[in-house]
Amino acid sequence: MRIARFSIDGNVAFGAVEGDKPDELVLNIIKGIPFAEHELSGTRVPMSKVRLLPPVLPNKVVAFGRNYAEHARELGHDVPDAPFAFFKPSTSVIGPGDQIQYPPFSEELHHEAELAVVIGRMCREVPRERVADVILGYTCANDVTARDVQRREKQWARAKGFDSSCPLGPWVETDLDLKAASDLTVQLTVNGRQRQLGRTSEMIHPIEDLIVNITEAMTLLPGDVILTGTPAGVGPLNVGDEVAVTIEGIGTLTNKVVKRG
């Protein structure tokens, strides 16, 4: 099931995305929320009549850096022996079609296409064999980074946590299992030109290891998001650019870069 979060006539709801052709998609409104008992209402709304929102509102976004060897090397970093985590605040999250606001304190904004894991239940100290039980599904993410600030400040809070630095969407795909999610094509285009192309099978630390690692330290809540790292090919974004992340079996997340002001 593809689960989207959307607004219509001032109301916010979840809906199951139905249909295959982009111009014919409809939303079957969900009674309840995806993290608890819910059912489809049978009331359908054309996708063209709604505004898609971030598919979840995470309490926290846990991101893992340098999880693709070629990406680590392209930035001159060593490949980490263990998963390397950092955080993006909930206020960094935007949805499909929302604007990435170029922060005034940076002159070098970069894109980073990533597979995002959406947590479906409260969990802590998850054993490797139970990881699939805590995952609701998967979505596309762009870990937008102020690269000059990242280099200058070392600590990544501002470089990766500014407002609008975490586009998510367009929906959560719940029908992918862990095996399938571990070998998907991840690609990114800027103004229609391909910049990044990789596969999730290239991750140094697979999804299971990432979730085991972070839940050793902290509790994850329903709707929390895990960013799994980006393949090689990161590069600059400029005001006016349209950036699109496409992940096999999930969909395409598109955003435009604007000047904050």
Protein backbone atom coordinates (compact mmCIF):
# COMPACT_ATOMS: atom_id res chain seq x y z
CA MET A 1 0.00 0.00 0.00
CA ARG A 2 1.16 3.53 -0.74
CA ILE A 3 0.11 5.78 2.15
CA ALA A 4 0.03 9.53 1.57
CA ARG A 5 -0.70 12.38 3.93
CA PHE A 6 -2.58 15.29 2.39
CA SER A 7 -4.69 18.36 2.97
CA ILE A 8 -7.97 19.28 1.33
CA ASP A 9 -10.35 22.09 2.25
CA GLY A 10 -8.33 22.82 5.38
CA ASN A 11 -8.44 19.24 6.63
CA VAL A 12 -5.51 16.83 6.92
CA ALA A 13 -5.89 13.09 6.39
CA PHE A 14 -4.09 9.93 5.35
CA GLY A 15 -5.09 8.09 2.22
CA ALA A 16 -4.16 4.97 0.28
CA VAL A 17 -2.90 5.88 -3.18
CA GLU A 18 -4.75 3.95 -5.88
CA GLY A 19 -4.05 3.81 -9.61
CA ASP A 20 -1.02 3.49 -11.84
CA LYS A 21 -1.12 6.48 -14.20
CA PRO A 22 0.15 9.71 -12.60
CA ASP A 23 -2.76 11.79 -13.91
CA GLU A 24 -5.35 9.28 -12.68
CA LEU A 25 -4.22 8.67 -9.09
CA VAL A 26 -6.86 8.82 -6.35
CA LEU A 27 -6.69 8.74 -2.57
CA ASN A 28 -8.89 6.31 -0.65
CA ILE A 29 -9.24 8.13 2.67
CA ILE A 30 -8.05 6.14 5.69
CA LYS A 31 -10.13 5.97 8.85
CA GLY A 32 -7.62 6.39 11.66
CA ILE A 33 -3.85 6.59 11.33
CA PRO A 34 -1.39 4.16 9.74
CA PHE A 35 0.38 3.51 13.06
CA ALA A 36 -2.69 1.96 14.70
CA GLU A 37 -5.77 0.02 13.68
CA HIS A 38 -7.23 1.62 10.58
CA GLU A 39 -9.38 0.87 7.56
CA LEU A 40 -10.13 2.33 4.19
CA SER A 41 -13.24 4.50 4.13
CA GLY A 42 -14.10 3.94 0.48
CA THR A 43 -14.29 7.71 0.01
CA ARG A 44 -11.98 8.60 -2.85
CA VAL A 45 -10.47 11.97 -3.74
CA PRO A 46 -8.53 12.69 -6.95
CA MET A 47 -4.87 13.36 -6.23
CA SER A 48 -5.13 16.45 -8.40
CA LYS A 49 -7.56 18.00 -5.90
CA VAL A 50 -5.31 17.75 -2.83
CA ARG A 51 -1.99 19.05 -1.59
CA LEU A 52 0.44 16.30 -0.65
CA LEU A 53 2.14 16.86 2.70
CA PRO A 54 5.18 15.15 4.20
CA PRO A 55 4.00 11.55 4.50
CA VAL A 56 4.80 11.56 8.24
CA LEU A 57 5.64 14.15 10.88
CA PRO A 58 8.60 12.53 12.63
CA ASN A 59 9.49 13.21 16.22
CA LYS A 60 13.07 12.85 15.01
CA VAL A 61 14.99 12.09 11.83
CA VAL A 62 18.02 9.91 12.43
CA ALA A 63 20.42 10.13 9.50
CA PHE A 64 23.43 7.95 8.80
CA GLY A 65 26.42 9.50 7.06
CA ARG A 66 29.10 7.99 4.83
CA ASN A 67 27.13 4.76 4.33
CA TYR A 68 28.17 4.43 0.68
CA ALA A 69 31.91 3.97 0.14
CA GLU A 70 32.11 5.98 -3.08
CA HIS A 71 30.29 8.92 -1.49
CA ALA A 72 32.66 8.91 1.48
CA ARG A 73 35.62 8.92 -0.91
CA GLU A 74 34.27 11.70 -3.12
CA LEU A 75 34.24 14.00 -0.09
CA GLY A 76 37.66 12.84 1.07
CA HIS A 77 36.40 10.93 4.10
CA ASP A 78 37.36 7.55 5.48
CA VAL A 79 34.78 4.78 5.33
CA PRO A 80 33.48 4.34 8.90
CA ASP A 81 33.84 0.99 10.63
CA ALA A 82 30.51 1.43 12.41
CA PRO A 83 27.30 3.31 11.54
CA PHE A 84 27.75 7.07 11.91
CA ALA A 85 24.56 8.85 13.00
CA PHE A 86 23.42 12.47 13.22
CA PHE A 87 20.05 14.19 13.55
CA LYS A 88 17.84 16.45 11.49
CA PRO A 89 15.11 18.22 13.49
CA SER A 90 11.42 17.82 12.77
CA THR A 91 11.35 21.43 11.56
CA SER A 92 13.64 20.48 8.65
CA VAL A 93 10.94 18.27 7.11
CA ILE A 94 8.99 19.39 4.04
CA GLY A 95 6.84 17.47 1.58
CA PRO A 96 6.66 16.86 -2.15
CA GLY A 97 6.35 20.08 -4.12
CA ASP A 98 7.42 22.22 -1.17
CA GLN A 99 10.26 24.67 -1.60
CA ILE A 100 13.83 24.09 -0.43
CA GLN A 101 14.85 27.47 0.96
CA TYR A 102 18.49 28.30 0.27
CA PRO A 103 19.84 29.40 3.68
CA PRO A 104 21.48 32.83 3.74
CA PHE A 105 24.44 31.55 5.76
CA SER A 106 25.58 29.17 3.01
CA GLU A 107 27.06 29.54 -0.47
CA GLU A 108 27.31 25.83 -1.30
CA LEU A 109 24.08 23.86 -1.05
CA HIS A 110 24.25 20.17 -2.02
CA HIS A 111 21.68 17.46 -2.75
CA GLU A 112 21.83 13.94 -1.28
CA ALA A 113 19.29 11.35 -2.49
CA GLU A 114 18.45 8.75 0.15
CA LEU A 115 16.14 5.85 0.95
CA ALA A 116 14.18 6.71 4.09
CA VAL A 117 12.82 4.09 6.48
CA VAL A 118 9.60 5.00 8.33
CA ILE A 119 9.18 3.45 11.77
CA GLY A 120 5.76 1.99 12.51
CA ARG A 121 5.84 1.28 16.24
CA MET A 122 7.61 2.32 19.43
CA CYS A 123 10.77 0.30 19.76
CA ARG A 124 14.05 0.08 21.64
CA GLU A 125 16.93 -2.42 21.59
CA VAL A 126 15.58 -4.08 18.45
CA PRO A 127 17.33 -7.40 17.67
CA ARG A 128 18.40 -7.85 14.07
CA GLU A 129 15.85 -10.58 13.42
CA ARG A 130 12.99 -8.30 14.54
CA VAL A 131 13.86 -5.20 12.50
CA ALA A 132 11.18 -5.87 9.87
CA ASP A 133 8.52 -5.84 12.62
CA VAL A 134 9.16 -2.17 13.47
CA ILE A 135 9.15 -0.79 9.91
CA LEU A 136 5.98 0.75 8.49
CA GLY A 137 7.48 1.33 5.04
CA TYR A 138 9.84 3.37 2.91
CA THR A 139 9.88 6.76 1.22
CA CYS A 140 12.25 9.06 -0.70
CA ALA A 141 14.38 11.66 1.03
CA ASN A 142 16.81 14.43 0.14
CA ASP A 143 19.37 15.18 2.84
CA VAL A 144 19.99 18.75 1.67
CA THR A 145 23.31 19.96 3.06
CA ALA A 146 25.06 23.30 3.40
CA ARG A 147 28.42 21.77 2.46
CA ASP A 148 30.55 24.84 3.21
CA VAL A 149 28.99 25.12 6.67
CA GLN A 150 29.52 21.40 7.26
CA ARG A 151 33.23 21.76 6.50
CA ARG A 152 33.61 24.97 8.48
CA GLU A 153 31.68 24.09 11.63
CA LYS A 154 32.48 20.36 11.89
CA GLN A 155 29.36 19.81 14.00
CA TRP A 156 26.53 19.31 11.51
CA ALA A 157 23.50 20.79 13.28
CA ARG A 158 23.20 23.91 11.13
CA ALA A 159 24.61 22.40 7.95
CA LYS A 160 22.03 19.61 7.81
CA GLY A 161 19.30 20.78 10.14
CA PHE A 162 18.15 24.10 8.70
CA ASP A 163 14.48 24.62 7.80
CA SER A 164 13.46 22.75 4.61
CA SER A 165 16.62 20.59 4.55
CA CYS A 166 14.72 17.29 4.73
CA PRO A 167 12.23 16.79 1.89
CA LEU A 168 10.29 13.52 2.29
CA GLY A 169 7.74 11.83 0.04
CA PRO A 170 5.74 11.50 -2.02
CA TRP A 171 4.23 8.71 0.12
CA VAL A 172 5.16 5.69 2.24
CA GLU A 173 5.36 2.38 0.39
CA THR A 174 4.43 -0.42 2.81
CA ASP A 175 4.59 -3.38 0.43
CA LEU A 176 8.39 -3.51 0.19
CA ASP A 177 10.02 -6.07 2.44
CA LEU A 178 13.54 -5.76 3.81
CA LYS A 179 15.02 -7.94 1.10
CA ALA A 180 13.51 -5.81 -1.66
CA ALA A 181 14.42 -2.53 0.07
CA SER A 182 18.02 -3.69 0.25
CA ASP A 183 18.46 -3.65 -3.54
CA LEU A 184 16.67 -0.65 -5.04
CA THR A 185 17.84 1.91 -7.58
CA VAL A 186 18.31 5.40 -6.11
CA GLN A 187 18.68 8.27 -8.54
CA LEU A 188 18.55 12.05 -8.49
CA THR A 189 18.15 14.63 -11.23
CA VAL A 190 18.57 18.39 -11.24
CA ASN A 191 16.57 20.15 -13.94
CA GLY A 192 16.10 16.79 -15.61
CA ARG A 193 19.79 15.87 -15.72
CA GLN A 194 20.97 12.87 -13.76
CA ARG A 195 23.40 13.60 -10.94
CA GLN A 196 23.21 10.52 -8.72
CA LEU A 197 22.65 6.86 -9.51
CA GLY A 198 23.23 3.97 -7.13
CA ARG A 199 21.63 0.99 -5.46
CA THR A 200 20.77 0.40 -1.83
CA SER A 201 22.75 -2.85 -2.08
CA GLU A 202 25.86 -0.64 -2.06
CA MET A 203 25.27 0.42 1.56
CA ILE A 204 28.19 -0.35 3.84
CA HIS A 205 25.85 -0.97 6.77
CA PRO A 206 22.45 -2.42 5.76
CA ILE A 207 19.10 -1.26 7.09
CA GLU A 208 19.04 -3.92 9.82
CA ASP A 209 22.38 -2.76 11.22
CA LEU A 210 21.31 0.90 11.22
CA ILE A 211 18.17 0.23 13.24
CA VAL A 212 19.96 -2.10 15.66
CA ASN A 213 22.64 0.55 16.13
CA ILE A 214 20.35 3.48 16.90
CA THR A 215 17.86 1.55 19.05
CA GLU A 216 20.72 0.42 21.29
CA ALA A 217 20.87 4.06 22.34
CA MET A 218 17.34 5.43 22.12
CA THR A 219 13.66 4.75 21.66
CA LEU A 220 12.16 5.22 18.21
CA LEU A 221 8.55 6.38 17.96
CA PRO A 222 5.92 5.73 15.29
CA GLY A 223 6.60 8.07 12.38
CA ASP A 224 10.29 8.52 13.13
CA VAL A 225 12.45 8.42 10.00
CA ILE A 226 15.82 6.79 9.37
CA LEU A 227 17.91 8.16 6.49
CA THR A 228 20.19 5.43 5.19
CA GLY A 229 22.91 7.39 3.40
CA THR A 230 23.49 8.67 -0.11
CA PRO A 231 25.29 7.20 -3.12
CA ALA A 232 28.09 9.07 -4.92
CA GLY A 233 27.36 12.04 -7.16
CA VAL A 234 26.35 14.72 -4.67
CA GLY A 235 26.65 18.23 -6.02
CA PRO A 236 25.48 21.83 -5.96
CA LEU A 237 21.96 23.20 -5.97
CA ASN A 238 21.20 26.74 -7.08
CA VAL A 239 18.18 28.98 -6.70
CA GLY A 240 15.67 28.03 -9.39
CA ASP A 241 16.78 24.39 -9.66
CA GLU A 242 14.23 21.58 -9.62
CA VAL A 243 15.60 18.51 -7.87
CA ALA A 244 13.95 15.08 -8.06
CA VAL A 245 14.74 11.93 -6.08
CA THR A 246 13.40 8.70 -7.62
CA ILE A 247 13.60 5.35 -5.85
CA GLU A 248 12.62 2.12 -7.55
CA GLY A 249 9.34 0.72 -6.26
CA ILE A 250 8.45 3.89 -4.35
CA GLY A 251 8.10 6.99 -6.52
CA THR A 252 9.54 10.43 -7.15
CA LEU A 253 10.02 13.32 -4.73
CA THR A 254 10.34 16.70 -6.47
CA ASN A 255 11.20 20.07 -4.94
CA LYS A 256 12.33 23.47 -6.19
CA VAL A 257 15.09 25.59 -4.68
CA VAL A 258 14.20 29.19 -3.81
CA LYS A 259 15.99 32.01 -2.03
CA ARG A 260 14.92 32.36 1.56
CA GLY A 261 13.45 35.75 2.14
